[in-house]
Amino acid sequence: MAQSENFLIEQLPEAARMRLLDRCTPFELVLSTELSVRGQPLSHAYFPRSGFISLVIDVDTHPALEVGMAGREAMLGSELVLGLAKTPWRALVQGAGQSWRIEAKALRAECAASPALQQVMQASLLVRLHQQTLAAACERFHMLGPRLARWLLMSQDRAQSDSFHVTQEFLALMLGVRRVGVTQAASRFQAGGLITYHRGELTVLDRPALEAQACSCYAADRQLYAALGTGAHRVPESLLSV
């Protein structure tokens, strides 16, 4: 039996899973690659097997802001289940890895033939809508330090490792702030022994302490996945942190 390494695909009945994988091709997620452009039709959907993708909003001349993240627990392109082809955000590879890729037209055809796939994509879309709502509230009401802690925890969950690559420029982009603010907040975490950071390689040293610093949105993300984690959409404990 083929192993997809993507949680959503793994939830499908075997026949539907094999049929979907037959129409997918392996695709490498290269760091900082732009997989979709704001306002442009989606040509493909992506099911990460490792690595992760950020959804980034650009508003006027303000710094770009991350409003969602997708790793192997999710997918990029779930809105295709609604027949939509254009998005208001850009999708950037934040963590290098591997994925399955399928053409948008082929995915729509599979959805029409597979109620199970349609249900899985609807669940993924619901999670992302909640994520984007949380991101808007988080950016408005929470301080930079707690937001940074939340983002680092979410990235660690998807990287499935204590260490992962991230630049300060990318951190600033994800949080919608200037680089100097990220540098100051990250320096406080490093001085407190929560993380180490050197030449783009970040390591989480004290996860419980970092969780204590994170804003409530991180716990809200966990609760969302726990609420959806029943029946066909049961989420493994290792992914309840995403």
Protein backbone atom coordinates (compact mmCIF):
# COMPACT_ATOMS: atom_id res chain seq x y z
CA MET A 1 0.00 0.00 0.00
CA ALA A 2 1.36 3.44 -0.93
CA GLN A 3 2.21 5.73 1.97
CA SER A 4 1.20 9.36 1.38
CA GLU A 5 2.73 10.85 4.54
CA ASN A 6 -0.03 13.47 4.35
CA PHE A 7 -2.66 13.17 7.06
CA LEU A 8 -5.60 14.25 4.90
CA ILE A 9 -4.83 11.68 2.21
CA GLU A 10 -4.33 9.00 4.85
CA GLN A 11 -7.90 9.60 6.06
CA LEU A 12 -9.37 8.52 2.74
CA PRO A 13 -10.69 4.98 2.16
CA GLU A 14 -8.05 2.89 0.40
CA ALA A 15 -9.71 2.95 -3.03
CA ALA A 16 -10.17 6.74 -2.97
CA ARG A 17 -6.65 7.24 -1.63
CA MET A 18 -5.04 5.14 -4.35
CA ARG A 19 -7.11 6.80 -7.08
CA LEU A 20 -6.06 10.27 -5.83
CA LEU A 21 -2.38 9.32 -5.56
CA ASP A 22 -2.48 7.94 -9.11
CA ARG A 23 -3.33 11.47 -10.29
CA CYS A 24 -0.71 13.17 -8.09
CA THR A 25 2.97 13.67 -8.83
CA PRO A 26 5.82 14.16 -6.33
CA PHE A 27 6.79 17.81 -5.95
CA GLU A 28 9.70 19.29 -4.02
CA LEU A 29 8.92 22.21 -1.72
CA VAL A 30 11.89 24.54 -2.15
CA LEU A 31 12.36 27.18 0.54
CA SER A 32 10.84 30.59 -0.34
CA THR A 33 9.20 29.32 -3.56
CA GLU A 34 5.91 31.06 -4.36
CA LEU A 35 3.31 28.38 -5.13
CA SER A 36 0.38 30.69 -5.82
CA VAL A 37 -0.03 34.36 -6.64
CA ARG A 38 -2.67 36.66 -5.20
CA GLY A 39 -5.58 37.12 -7.60
CA GLN A 40 -4.34 34.45 -10.01
CA PRO A 41 -6.18 31.16 -10.66
CA LEU A 42 -4.84 28.17 -8.76
CA SER A 43 -3.23 25.77 -11.22
CA HIS A 44 -2.44 23.03 -8.69
CA ALA A 45 -3.19 21.83 -5.18
CA TYR A 46 -0.46 20.58 -2.84
CA PHE A 47 -0.52 17.94 -0.10
CA PRO A 48 2.69 18.40 1.94
CA ARG A 49 4.44 15.23 3.08
CA SER A 50 7.14 17.17 4.91
CA GLY A 51 7.95 20.86 5.14
CA PHE A 52 5.27 23.55 5.32
CA ILE A 53 3.67 26.44 3.46
CA SER A 54 2.64 29.92 4.63
CA LEU A 55 -0.28 31.95 3.31
CA VAL A 56 0.70 35.62 3.17
CA ILE A 57 -1.51 38.69 2.73
CA ASP A 58 -0.24 41.95 1.17
CA VAL A 59 -2.22 45.09 2.01
CA ASP A 60 -1.24 48.39 0.36
CA THR A 61 2.26 49.44 1.48
CA HIS A 62 2.10 47.64 4.85
CA PRO A 63 4.44 44.73 5.65
CA ALA A 64 3.14 41.38 4.43
CA LEU A 65 1.38 39.27 7.07
CA GLU A 66 1.00 35.51 7.45
CA VAL A 67 -2.63 34.40 7.87
CA GLY A 68 -2.29 30.62 7.66
CA MET A 69 0.11 27.69 7.59
CA ALA A 70 -0.15 24.24 6.05
CA GLY A 71 2.04 21.23 6.76
CA ARG A 72 1.41 17.51 6.37
CA GLU A 73 -1.75 17.85 8.47
CA ALA A 74 -3.36 19.99 5.76
CA MET A 75 -3.21 21.02 2.11
CA LEU A 76 -2.91 24.03 -0.15
CA GLY A 77 -5.90 24.41 -2.45
CA SER A 78 -8.82 23.23 -0.31
CA GLU A 79 -10.90 26.15 -1.62
CA LEU A 80 -11.10 24.27 -4.92
CA VAL A 81 -13.82 22.17 -3.30
CA LEU A 82 -16.01 25.28 -3.56
CA GLY A 83 -15.18 25.78 -7.21
CA LEU A 84 -13.03 28.83 -6.46
CA ALA A 85 -9.80 29.31 -8.35
CA LYS A 86 -8.46 32.69 -7.16
CA THR A 87 -7.13 33.54 -3.71
CA PRO A 88 -6.49 36.81 -1.83
CA TRP A 89 -3.08 35.59 -0.55
CA ARG A 90 0.30 34.33 -1.74
CA ALA A 91 1.50 30.86 -0.79
CA LEU A 92 5.21 30.67 0.13
CA VAL A 93 7.24 27.60 1.06
CA GLN A 94 8.36 28.30 4.61
CA GLY A 95 9.90 24.91 5.37
CA ALA A 96 11.57 22.88 2.65
CA GLY A 97 10.25 19.36 2.09
CA GLN A 98 8.24 17.12 -0.21
CA SER A 99 4.61 17.13 -1.32
CA TRP A 100 2.10 15.58 -3.65
CA ARG A 101 0.87 17.91 -6.40
CA ILE A 102 -2.28 17.59 -8.49
CA GLU A 103 -3.75 19.81 -11.20
CA ALA A 104 -6.77 21.83 -10.08
CA LYS A 105 -8.98 20.35 -12.81
CA ALA A 106 -8.01 16.80 -11.83
CA LEU A 107 -8.69 17.48 -8.15
CA ARG A 108 -12.14 18.84 -8.93
CA ALA A 109 -12.88 15.70 -10.93
CA GLU A 110 -11.76 13.52 -8.02
CA CYS A 111 -13.95 15.50 -5.60
CA ALA A 112 -16.96 14.96 -7.84
CA ALA A 113 -16.27 11.21 -7.83
CA SER A 114 -15.30 10.86 -4.16
CA PRO A 115 -17.55 12.17 -1.34
CA ALA A 116 -14.83 11.10 1.11
CA LEU A 117 -12.27 13.38 -0.56
CA GLN A 118 -14.78 16.20 -0.66
CA GLN A 119 -15.40 15.81 3.08
CA VAL A 120 -11.68 15.81 3.88
CA MET A 121 -11.13 18.97 1.82
CA GLN A 122 -14.07 20.69 3.48
CA ALA A 123 -12.58 19.92 6.90
CA SER A 124 -9.22 21.32 5.78
CA LEU A 125 -10.89 24.47 4.49
CA LEU A 126 -12.76 24.93 7.77
CA VAL A 127 -9.51 24.70 9.74
CA ARG A 128 -7.90 27.32 7.51
CA LEU A 129 -10.83 29.70 7.88
CA HIS A 130 -10.47 29.43 11.65
CA GLN A 131 -6.71 29.98 11.33
CA GLN A 132 -7.19 33.14 9.31
CA THR A 133 -9.73 34.51 11.78
CA LEU A 134 -7.32 33.82 14.65
CA ALA A 135 -4.46 35.43 12.73
CA ALA A 136 -6.43 38.65 12.25
CA ALA A 137 -7.33 38.85 15.94
CA CYS A 138 -3.82 37.87 17.02
CA GLU A 139 -2.17 40.59 14.93
CA ARG A 140 -4.58 43.20 16.32
CA PHE A 141 -4.57 42.36 20.02
CA HIS A 142 -1.40 40.43 20.94
CA MET A 143 2.12 41.71 21.51
CA LEU A 144 5.00 40.72 19.27
CA GLY A 145 6.75 38.43 21.79
CA PRO A 146 3.76 36.12 22.38
CA ARG A 147 3.00 36.11 18.65
CA LEU A 148 6.59 35.11 17.87
CA ALA A 149 6.43 32.29 20.43
CA ARG A 150 3.23 31.02 18.83
CA TRP A 151 4.76 31.12 15.35
CA LEU A 152 7.90 29.28 16.47
CA LEU A 153 5.83 26.55 18.10
CA MET A 154 3.65 26.13 15.01
CA SER A 155 6.75 25.93 12.82
CA GLN A 156 8.40 23.39 15.12
CA ASP A 157 5.27 21.24 15.02
CA ARG A 158 5.29 21.15 11.23
CA ALA A 159 9.05 20.75 10.93
CA GLN A 160 8.74 17.73 13.27
CA SER A 161 12.10 18.69 14.73
CA ASP A 162 13.52 20.89 17.48
CA SER A 163 15.64 22.62 14.82
CA PHE A 164 14.56 24.26 11.58
CA HIS A 165 15.81 26.90 9.15
CA VAL A 166 14.36 30.41 9.26
CA THR A 167 15.84 33.84 8.61
CA GLN A 168 15.03 37.00 10.55
CA GLU A 169 13.78 38.53 7.31
CA PHE A 170 11.31 35.67 6.91
CA LEU A 171 10.24 35.95 10.57
CA ALA A 172 9.51 39.63 10.04
CA LEU A 173 7.51 38.81 6.91
CA MET A 174 5.46 36.16 8.70
CA LEU A 175 4.64 38.46 11.62
CA GLY A 176 4.07 41.60 9.56
CA VAL A 177 6.66 43.68 11.46
CA ARG A 178 10.07 45.21 10.93
CA ARG A 179 13.14 43.06 11.32
CA VAL A 180 14.39 45.03 14.35
CA GLY A 181 11.30 44.04 16.34
CA VAL A 182 11.81 40.34 15.58
CA THR A 183 15.50 40.62 16.49
CA GLN A 184 14.68 42.11 19.90
CA ALA A 185 11.98 39.55 20.71
CA ALA A 186 14.09 36.60 19.56
CA SER A 187 17.08 37.90 21.53
CA ARG A 188 14.99 37.86 24.72
CA PHE A 189 14.00 34.23 24.08
CA GLN A 190 17.62 33.34 23.40
CA ALA A 191 18.87 35.11 26.54
CA GLY A 192 16.26 33.22 28.56
CA GLY A 193 17.44 29.85 27.21
CA LEU A 194 14.24 29.15 25.27
CA ILE A 195 15.90 29.03 21.84
CA THR A 196 19.23 29.30 20.08
CA TYR A 197 19.65 30.99 16.72
CA HIS A 198 22.72 31.06 14.49
CA ARG A 199 22.96 31.81 10.79
CA GLY A 200 19.37 30.95 10.01
CA GLU A 201 19.23 27.76 12.08
CA LEU A 202 16.83 28.00 15.02
CA THR A 203 16.60 25.38 17.78
CA VAL A 204 13.91 25.22 20.45
CA LEU A 205 15.64 24.40 23.74
CA ASP A 206 12.78 24.75 26.24
CA ARG A 207 9.42 24.04 24.64
CA PRO A 208 7.34 24.26 27.87
CA ALA A 209 8.79 27.71 28.57
CA LEU A 210 8.12 28.79 24.98
CA GLU A 211 4.52 27.57 25.27
CA ALA A 212 4.18 29.65 28.45
CA GLN A 213 5.27 32.72 26.46
CA ALA A 214 2.91 32.09 23.53
CA CYS A 215 -0.37 33.93 23.14
CA SER A 216 -3.68 32.14 23.62
CA CYS A 217 -4.04 31.63 19.87
CA TYR A 218 -1.65 28.69 20.01
CA ALA A 219 -3.89 26.85 22.47
CA ALA A 220 -6.89 27.82 20.34
CA ASP A 221 -5.25 26.15 17.33
CA ARG A 222 -4.80 22.97 19.36
CA GLN A 223 -8.42 23.05 20.51
CA LEU A 224 -9.62 23.47 16.94
CA TYR A 225 -7.79 20.35 15.78
CA ALA A 226 -8.95 18.46 18.86
CA ALA A 227 -12.57 19.41 18.10
CA LEU A 228 -12.19 18.14 14.53
CA GLY A 229 -10.17 15.15 15.68
CA THR A 230 -12.99 12.63 15.81
CA GLY A 231 -14.16 9.99 13.36
CA ALA A 232 -12.65 10.24 9.92
CA HIS A 233 -10.73 13.39 10.83
CA ARG A 234 -9.01 12.14 13.98
CA VAL A 235 -5.69 13.98 14.22
CA PRO A 236 -2.61 12.20 15.63
CA GLU A 237 -1.37 13.56 18.96
CA SER A 238 1.84 14.69 17.28
CA LEU A 239 -0.17 17.09 15.11
CA LEU A 240 -2.50 18.50 17.76
CA SER A 241 -0.02 21.30 18.26
CA VAL A 242 -0.40 22.67 14.76
